[in-house]
Amino acid sequence: MVDPSAPYVPALPQIMRDIPEYRSPIDGSLISSRSTRRYDMEKNNCRDWEPSDSPTGGKFRNERFAKKIPGAVVAEEFRDLEMNQRFRAGVPEPKAEASQ
């Protein structure tokens, strides 16, 4: 039910700016509009990334990595991981063994 005493607000069209031009990281083609981007994604069998695609739900768990990204913080549930405790203590990261 509509409140007759509420002020009238006309419904206006929603306008979304187009995206800035960039080169496709897959094949180097010029992407200059949303429709071009959709076509490029479909042509290369790609889709947008969703946080649910990540095993951590899009949350950071490595402090050393998160420190490189402005404003990024490690999620609370990953702060006590051994790798993060070593990083805070200044212990160097263990070297991976070279395979021969």
C-alpha atoms as a PDB file:
ATOM      1  CA  MET A   1       0.000   0.000   0.000  1.00  0.00           C
ATOM      2  CA  VAL A   2       1.274   3.475  -0.908  1.00  0.00           C
ATOM      3  CA  ASP A   3       1.357   6.189   1.745  1.00  0.00           C
ATOM      4  CA  PRO A   4      -0.557   9.166   0.236  1.00  0.00           C
ATOM      5  CA  SER A   5       1.290  11.625   2.495  1.00  0.00           C
ATOM      6  CA  ALA A   6       4.734  10.525   1.218  1.00  0.00           C
ATOM      7  CA  PRO A   7       6.406  12.900  -1.247  1.00  0.00           C
ATOM      8  CA  TYR A   8       6.262  11.889  -4.906  1.00  0.00           C
ATOM      9  CA  VAL A   9       9.583  10.588  -6.214  1.00  0.00           C
ATOM     10  CA  PRO A  10       9.538   9.866  -9.937  1.00  0.00           C
ATOM     11  CA  ALA A  11      11.237   6.697 -11.171  1.00  0.00           C
ATOM     12  CA  LEU A  12      14.297   7.686 -13.199  1.00  0.00           C
ATOM     13  CA  PRO A  13      16.418   5.533 -15.496  1.00  0.00           C
ATOM     14  CA  GLN A  14      19.642   4.184 -14.047  1.00  0.00           C
ATOM     15  CA  ILE A  15      22.715   4.991 -16.138  1.00  0.00           C
ATOM     16  CA  MET A  16      25.985   3.119 -15.718  1.00  0.00           C
ATOM     17  CA  ARG A  17      29.237   4.507 -17.119  1.00  0.00           C
ATOM     18  CA  ASP A  18      31.102   2.411 -19.589  1.00  0.00           C
ATOM     19  CA  ILE A  19      34.382   0.844 -18.599  1.00  0.00           C
ATOM     20  CA  PRO A  20      37.771   2.363 -19.495  1.00  0.00           C
ATOM     21  CA  GLU A  21      39.591   0.765 -22.430  1.00  0.00           C
ATOM     22  CA  TYR A  22      42.093  -1.987 -21.669  1.00  0.00           C
ATOM     23  CA  ARG A  23      43.795  -4.911 -23.370  1.00  0.00           C
ATOM     24  CA  SER A  24      42.470  -8.389 -22.726  1.00  0.00           C
ATOM     25  CA  PRO A  25      45.005 -10.266 -20.586  1.00  0.00           C
ATOM     26  CA  ILE A  26      44.115 -13.440 -22.493  1.00  0.00           C
ATOM     27  CA  ASP A  27      44.506 -12.541 -26.156  1.00  0.00           C
ATOM     28  CA  GLY A  28      45.503  -8.854 -26.182  1.00  0.00           C
ATOM     29  CA  SER A  29      42.369  -7.624 -27.956  1.00  0.00           C
ATOM     30  CA  LEU A  30      41.125  -4.121 -27.142  1.00  0.00           C
ATOM     31  CA  ILE A  31      38.193  -4.073 -24.687  1.00  0.00           C
ATOM     32  CA  SER A  32      36.354  -0.765 -25.023  1.00  0.00           C
ATOM     33  CA  SER A  33      32.829  -1.469 -23.742  1.00  0.00           C
ATOM     34  CA  ARG A  34      30.859  -3.803 -21.518  1.00  0.00           C
ATOM     35  CA  SER A  35      29.520  -5.652 -24.542  1.00  0.00           C
ATOM     36  CA  THR A  36      33.072  -6.145 -25.877  1.00  0.00           C
ATOM     37  CA  ARG A  37      34.102  -7.435 -22.455  1.00  0.00           C
ATOM     38  CA  ARG A  38      31.161  -9.875 -22.356  1.00  0.00           C
ATOM     39  CA  TYR A  39      32.080 -11.122 -25.839  1.00  0.00           C
ATOM     40  CA  ASP A  40      35.769 -11.486 -24.864  1.00  0.00           C
ATOM     41  CA  MET A  41      34.874 -13.391 -21.691  1.00  0.00           C
ATOM     42  CA  GLU A  42      32.551 -15.716 -23.609  1.00  0.00           C
ATOM     43  CA  LYS A  43      35.022 -16.209 -26.480  1.00  0.00           C
ATOM     44  CA  ASN A  44      37.804 -17.194 -24.057  1.00  0.00           C
ATOM     45  CA  ASN A  45      35.562 -19.316 -21.825  1.00  0.00           C
ATOM     46  CA  CYS A  46      36.035 -17.014 -18.799  1.00  0.00           C
ATOM     47  CA  ARG A  47      33.781 -15.667 -16.085  1.00  0.00           C
ATOM     48  CA  ASP A  48      33.958 -13.054 -13.340  1.00  0.00           C
ATOM     49  CA  TRP A  49      35.713 -14.042 -10.157  1.00  0.00           C
ATOM     50  CA  GLU A  50      33.497 -14.495  -7.118  1.00  0.00           C
ATOM     51  CA  PRO A  51      34.770 -14.562  -3.509  1.00  0.00           C
ATOM     52  CA  SER A  52      33.029 -17.917  -3.101  1.00  0.00           C
ATOM     53  CA  ASP A  53      35.462 -19.348  -5.707  1.00  0.00           C
ATOM     54  CA  SER A  54      38.313 -19.031  -3.222  1.00  0.00           C
ATOM     55  CA  PRO A  55      38.954 -21.736  -0.625  1.00  0.00           C
ATOM     56  CA  THR A  56      39.302 -18.908   1.918  1.00  0.00           C
ATOM     57  CA  GLY A  57      36.176 -17.095   0.722  1.00  0.00           C
ATOM     58  CA  GLY A  58      38.218 -14.157  -0.581  1.00  0.00           C
ATOM     59  CA  LYS A  59      39.913 -13.588   2.789  1.00  0.00           C
ATOM     60  CA  PHE A  60      43.663 -13.171   3.179  1.00  0.00           C
ATOM     61  CA  ARG A  61      45.457 -15.759   5.294  1.00  0.00           C
ATOM     62  CA  ASN A  62      49.126 -14.950   4.606  1.00  0.00           C
ATOM     63  CA  GLU A  63      50.395 -11.820   6.404  1.00  0.00           C
ATOM     64  CA  ARG A  64      53.498 -11.545   4.225  1.00  0.00           C
ATOM     65  CA  PHE A  65      51.285 -11.368   1.110  1.00  0.00           C
ATOM     66  CA  ALA A  66      48.611  -9.121   2.648  1.00  0.00           C
ATOM     67  CA  LYS A  67      51.271  -6.584   3.682  1.00  0.00           C
ATOM     68  CA  LYS A  68      52.007  -5.936  -0.020  1.00  0.00           C
ATOM     69  CA  ILE A  69      48.424  -4.790  -0.691  1.00  0.00           C
ATOM     70  CA  PRO A  70      47.364  -1.408   0.716  1.00  0.00           C
ATOM     71  CA  GLY A  71      44.533  -1.810   3.202  1.00  0.00           C
ATOM     72  CA  ALA A  72      44.610  -5.629   3.178  1.00  0.00           C
ATOM     73  CA  VAL A  73      44.474  -7.446   6.500  1.00  0.00           C
ATOM     74  CA  VAL A  74      44.591 -11.100   7.408  1.00  0.00           C
ATOM     75  CA  ALA A  75      41.227 -12.555   8.405  1.00  0.00           C
ATOM     76  CA  GLU A  76      40.839 -13.196  12.119  1.00  0.00           C
ATOM     77  CA  GLU A  77      40.530 -16.962  11.694  1.00  0.00           C
ATOM     78  CA  PHE A  78      43.951 -17.154   9.970  1.00  0.00           C
ATOM     79  CA  ARG A  79      46.001 -14.885  12.271  1.00  0.00           C
ATOM     80  CA  ASP A  80      47.303 -17.709  14.453  1.00  0.00           C
ATOM     81  CA  LEU A  81      48.637 -19.840  11.598  1.00  0.00           C
ATOM     82  CA  GLU A  82      52.271 -20.873  12.079  1.00  0.00           C
ATOM     83  CA  MET A  83      53.417 -18.994   8.945  1.00  0.00           C
ATOM     84  CA  ASN A  84      51.943 -15.744  10.300  1.00  0.00           C
ATOM     85  CA  GLN A  85      53.515 -16.242  13.736  1.00  0.00           C
ATOM     86  CA  ARG A  86      56.927 -16.783  12.071  1.00  0.00           C
ATOM     87  CA  PHE A  87      56.422 -13.643   9.946  1.00  0.00           C
ATOM     88  CA  ARG A  88      55.579 -11.494  12.998  1.00  0.00           C
ATOM     89  CA  ALA A  89      58.594 -12.902  14.852  1.00  0.00           C
ATOM     90  CA  GLY A  90      60.889 -12.038  11.921  1.00  0.00           C
ATOM     91  CA  VAL A  91      61.785 -15.655  11.194  1.00  0.00           C
ATOM     92  CA  PRO A  92      62.719 -16.077   7.506  1.00  0.00           C
ATOM     93  CA  GLU A  93      60.463 -18.196   5.347  1.00  0.00           C
ATOM     94  CA  PRO A  94      61.747 -21.779   4.908  1.00  0.00           C
ATOM     95  CA  LYS A  95      63.350 -22.404   1.505  1.00  0.00           C
ATOM     96  CA  ALA A  96      61.629 -24.873  -0.783  1.00  0.00           C
ATOM     97  CA  GLU A  97      63.748 -27.897  -1.584  1.00  0.00           C
ATOM     98  CA  ALA A  98      65.007 -27.954  -5.153  1.00  0.00           C
ATOM     99  CA  SER A  99      63.975 -31.014  -7.111  1.00  0.00           C
ATOM    100  CA  GLN A 100      66.677 -32.770  -9.109  1.00  0.00           C
END
